[in-house]
Amino acid sequence: MSDIFQLVSNEPDHVARVMAQWAVERPDLDVSPQAVIARLHRVALRLTEELVAVYAEFGLGEGEFDVLATLRRSGPPYELTPSALTAGTMVTSGAITKRVDRCVQQGWVTRRASEHDGRGRVVALTPAGRELMDRAFAAHIANEHRLLAAVPPEDRGALARILESWGRALD
C-alpha cells in the first residue's frame, strides 16, 4: 500500500486548480462548496482503495467484509436474519443475498431456517468465518490507524463531530 498522505504544500491541489478554472469560466457562480465536497470525495475514493487492499489480503471483497463484520460485531451467537443483516450493512436485500451467497460458498457463513419462524431464514457466522474476520478486522483497524495518522490528533474529534452532524443532516 502507498503512503497516501503527504505534508501540505504551498502548491494548489487538484481541487484548488479546478475551482480556479471555474472562477474564470463561470465567475457568476460561487464554487466554494467544492473546497469541501470535492476534497471529501477524493479522500473517500483514496480511502476506499486503501481499505479494499487490506480486505483483499484476506481473500475478501468489500461486500464479504461487510457481511462478516456485521455478523461478528452482533455478538454471540453471531447470527442475524437477512433483514437485520441488510439494516446493519445499509445495502439492498438483493445485494445482501449475493454477498451471503459468496460467503456461504467460502464456508464463512451458513444459511438455515429460523427456529422461531418457519418461513424465516438465519445467516450465521461459522468458526472459520469468525477466525477470518478476527484476523481481517485487526488488520483493518491497524490500516485505519495508519490512514488517520496524517490527521493531527487534536483535529480528529472535531472532524468526527462535523462528519456525524453533516451525515445526520443528509439522512
Protein backbone atom coordinates (compact mmCIF):
# COMPACT_ATOMS: atom_id res chain seq x y z
CA MET A 1 0.00 0.00 0.00
CA SER A 2 1.11 3.51 -0.71
CA ASP A 3 1.62 6.28 1.79
CA ILE A 4 -1.34 8.33 0.56
CA PHE A 5 -0.80 11.42 2.64
CA GLN A 6 1.94 13.96 2.22
CA LEU A 7 2.71 17.18 4.01
CA VAL A 8 0.60 20.14 2.95
CA SER A 9 2.47 22.14 0.34
CA ASN A 10 2.20 25.68 -0.89
CA GLU A 11 1.19 24.37 -4.29
CA PRO A 12 -2.55 24.33 -5.06
CA ASP A 13 -4.08 20.87 -5.04
CA HIS A 14 -6.24 19.43 -7.82
CA VAL A 15 -9.43 20.85 -6.33
CA ALA A 16 -7.96 24.34 -6.00
CA ARG A 17 -6.89 24.21 -9.66
CA VAL A 18 -10.38 23.09 -10.73
CA MET A 19 -12.00 25.84 -8.66
CA ALA A 20 -9.68 28.44 -10.20
CA GLN A 21 -10.67 27.27 -13.69
CA TRP A 22 -14.37 27.57 -12.82
CA ALA A 23 -13.78 31.04 -11.38
CA VAL A 24 -12.56 32.11 -14.81
CA GLU A 25 -15.18 30.23 -16.83
CA ARG A 26 -18.19 30.87 -14.56
CA PRO A 27 -17.40 33.88 -12.34
CA ASP A 28 -21.14 34.23 -11.75
CA LEU A 29 -21.21 31.02 -9.64
CA ASP A 30 -19.95 30.51 -6.11
CA VAL A 31 -17.97 27.27 -6.39
CA SER A 32 -16.78 27.36 -2.76
CA PRO A 33 -18.66 24.13 -1.81
CA GLN A 34 -16.16 22.27 -3.99
CA ALA A 35 -13.45 23.14 -1.47
CA VAL A 36 -15.12 20.70 0.91
CA ILE A 37 -17.20 18.33 -1.19
CA ALA A 38 -14.71 17.64 -3.97
CA ARG A 39 -11.89 17.13 -1.48
CA LEU A 40 -14.05 14.86 0.66
CA HIS A 41 -14.99 12.86 -2.42
CA ARG A 42 -11.36 12.49 -3.48
CA VAL A 43 -10.33 11.43 0.04
CA ALA A 44 -13.19 8.90 0.18
CA LEU A 45 -12.10 7.33 -3.11
CA ARG A 46 -8.50 7.03 -1.94
CA LEU A 47 -9.56 5.64 1.44
CA THR A 48 -11.69 3.00 -0.29
CA GLU A 49 -8.70 1.92 -2.38
CA GLU A 50 -6.57 1.60 0.75
CA LEU A 51 -9.26 -0.29 2.70
CA VAL A 52 -10.05 -2.71 -0.13
CA ALA A 53 -6.36 -3.58 -0.47
CA VAL A 54 -6.34 -4.89 3.11
CA TYR A 55 -9.57 -6.87 2.60
CA ALA A 56 -8.00 -8.49 -0.46
CA GLU A 57 -5.09 -9.74 1.67
CA PHE A 58 -7.66 -11.99 3.35
CA GLY A 59 -9.46 -13.03 0.17
CA LEU A 60 -12.33 -10.67 0.89
CA GLY A 61 -14.10 -8.05 -1.14
CA GLU A 62 -15.90 -5.09 0.42
CA GLY A 63 -19.20 -6.95 0.44
CA GLU A 64 -17.91 -10.07 2.14
CA PHE A 65 -16.00 -8.00 4.70
CA ASP A 66 -19.17 -6.05 5.45
CA VAL A 67 -21.28 -9.20 5.97
CA LEU A 68 -18.69 -10.93 8.16
CA ALA A 69 -18.05 -7.77 10.20
CA THR A 70 -21.78 -7.21 10.77
CA LEU A 71 -22.25 -10.78 11.97
CA ARG A 72 -19.11 -10.71 14.14
CA ARG A 73 -20.00 -7.47 15.91
CA SER A 74 -23.55 -8.71 16.57
CA GLY A 75 -22.17 -10.89 19.38
CA PRO A 76 -23.00 -14.49 20.22
CA PRO A 77 -24.49 -16.48 18.63
CA TYR A 78 -23.21 -14.42 15.64
CA GLU A 79 -26.33 -14.82 13.55
CA LEU A 80 -28.85 -12.44 12.04
CA THR A 81 -31.92 -12.54 9.86
CA PRO A 82 -31.36 -11.31 6.32
CA SER A 83 -33.39 -8.17 7.11
CA ALA A 84 -31.24 -7.41 10.18
CA LEU A 85 -28.13 -8.03 8.09
CA THR A 86 -29.46 -5.64 5.44
CA ALA A 87 -30.12 -2.96 8.07
CA GLY A 88 -26.66 -3.46 9.56
CA THR A 89 -24.91 -3.04 6.25
CA MET A 90 -27.10 -0.36 4.64
CA VAL A 91 -27.37 -2.10 1.28
CA THR A 92 -30.35 -3.59 -0.53
CA SER A 93 -31.71 -7.04 0.23
CA GLY A 94 -30.63 -8.15 -3.25
CA ALA A 95 -27.06 -7.08 -2.54
CA ILE A 96 -27.13 -8.93 0.79
CA THR A 97 -28.31 -12.10 -0.93
CA LYS A 98 -25.38 -12.01 -3.35
CA ARG A 99 -22.88 -11.23 -0.59
CA VAL A 100 -24.21 -14.00 1.65
CA ASP A 101 -24.14 -16.45 -1.27
CA ARG A 102 -20.43 -15.73 -1.78
CA CYS A 103 -19.76 -16.15 1.96
CA VAL A 104 -21.69 -19.45 2.04
CA GLN A 105 -19.62 -20.73 -0.92
CA GLN A 106 -16.43 -19.95 1.01
CA GLY A 107 -17.68 -21.64 4.19
CA TRP A 108 -17.64 -18.39 6.20
CA VAL A 109 -21.38 -18.35 6.93
CA THR A 110 -24.33 -20.72 6.88
CA ARG A 111 -27.93 -20.05 5.94
CA ARG A 112 -30.67 -22.05 7.66
CA ALA A 113 -34.36 -21.91 8.57
CA SER A 114 -35.22 -19.86 11.63
CA GLU A 115 -36.15 -21.80 14.77
CA HIS A 116 -38.75 -19.11 15.59
CA ASP A 117 -40.32 -18.58 12.16
CA GLY A 118 -40.60 -21.50 9.76
CA ARG A 119 -40.61 -19.16 6.77
CA GLY A 120 -37.69 -17.06 8.03
CA ARG A 121 -34.01 -17.61 7.45
CA VAL A 122 -30.95 -17.01 9.61
CA VAL A 123 -27.41 -16.26 8.44
CA ALA A 124 -24.79 -17.44 10.92
CA LEU A 125 -21.04 -16.95 11.12
CA THR A 126 -19.08 -20.22 11.01
CA PRO A 127 -15.99 -20.79 13.16
CA ALA A 128 -13.88 -20.34 10.01
CA GLY A 129 -15.69 -17.08 9.23
CA ARG A 130 -15.19 -15.81 12.77
CA GLU A 131 -11.47 -16.64 12.73
CA LEU A 132 -11.05 -14.96 9.35
CA MET A 133 -12.98 -11.88 10.47
CA ASP A 134 -10.96 -11.57 13.66
CA ARG A 135 -7.71 -11.54 11.67
CA ALA A 136 -9.07 -9.29 8.91
CA PHE A 137 -10.60 -6.82 11.36
CA ALA A 138 -7.36 -6.48 13.33
CA ALA A 139 -5.55 -5.67 10.07
CA HIS A 140 -8.37 -3.32 9.04
CA ILE A 141 -8.15 -1.33 12.28
CA ALA A 142 -4.35 -1.12 12.01
CA ASN A 143 -4.83 0.19 8.47
CA GLU A 144 -7.37 2.77 9.65
CA HIS A 145 -4.91 3.97 12.30
CA ARG A 146 -2.25 4.29 9.59
CA LEU A 147 -4.59 6.23 7.30
CA LEU A 148 -5.72 8.57 10.07
CA ALA A 149 -2.16 9.24 11.24
CA ALA A 150 -1.95 12.17 8.80
CA VAL A 151 -4.72 13.98 10.70
CA PRO A 152 -3.39 15.64 13.85
CA PRO A 153 -4.89 14.05 16.97
CA GLU A 154 -6.33 17.38 18.09
CA ASP A 155 -8.34 17.61 14.82
CA ARG A 156 -9.78 14.08 14.81
CA GLY A 157 -12.58 14.69 17.33
CA ALA A 158 -13.70 17.86 15.56
CA LEU A 159 -13.63 16.11 12.19
CA ALA A 160 -15.65 13.18 13.56
CA ARG A 161 -18.26 15.55 15.05
CA ILE A 162 -18.53 17.58 11.83
CA LEU A 163 -18.97 14.47 9.70
CA GLU A 164 -21.53 13.00 12.11
CA SER A 165 -23.55 16.21 12.14
CA TRP A 166 -23.40 16.56 8.37
CA GLY A 167 -24.32 12.91 7.87
CA ARG A 168 -27.34 13.24 10.14
CA ALA A 169 -28.46 16.35 8.23
CA LEU A 170 -28.21 14.45 4.93
CA ASP A 171 -30.12 11.44 6.30
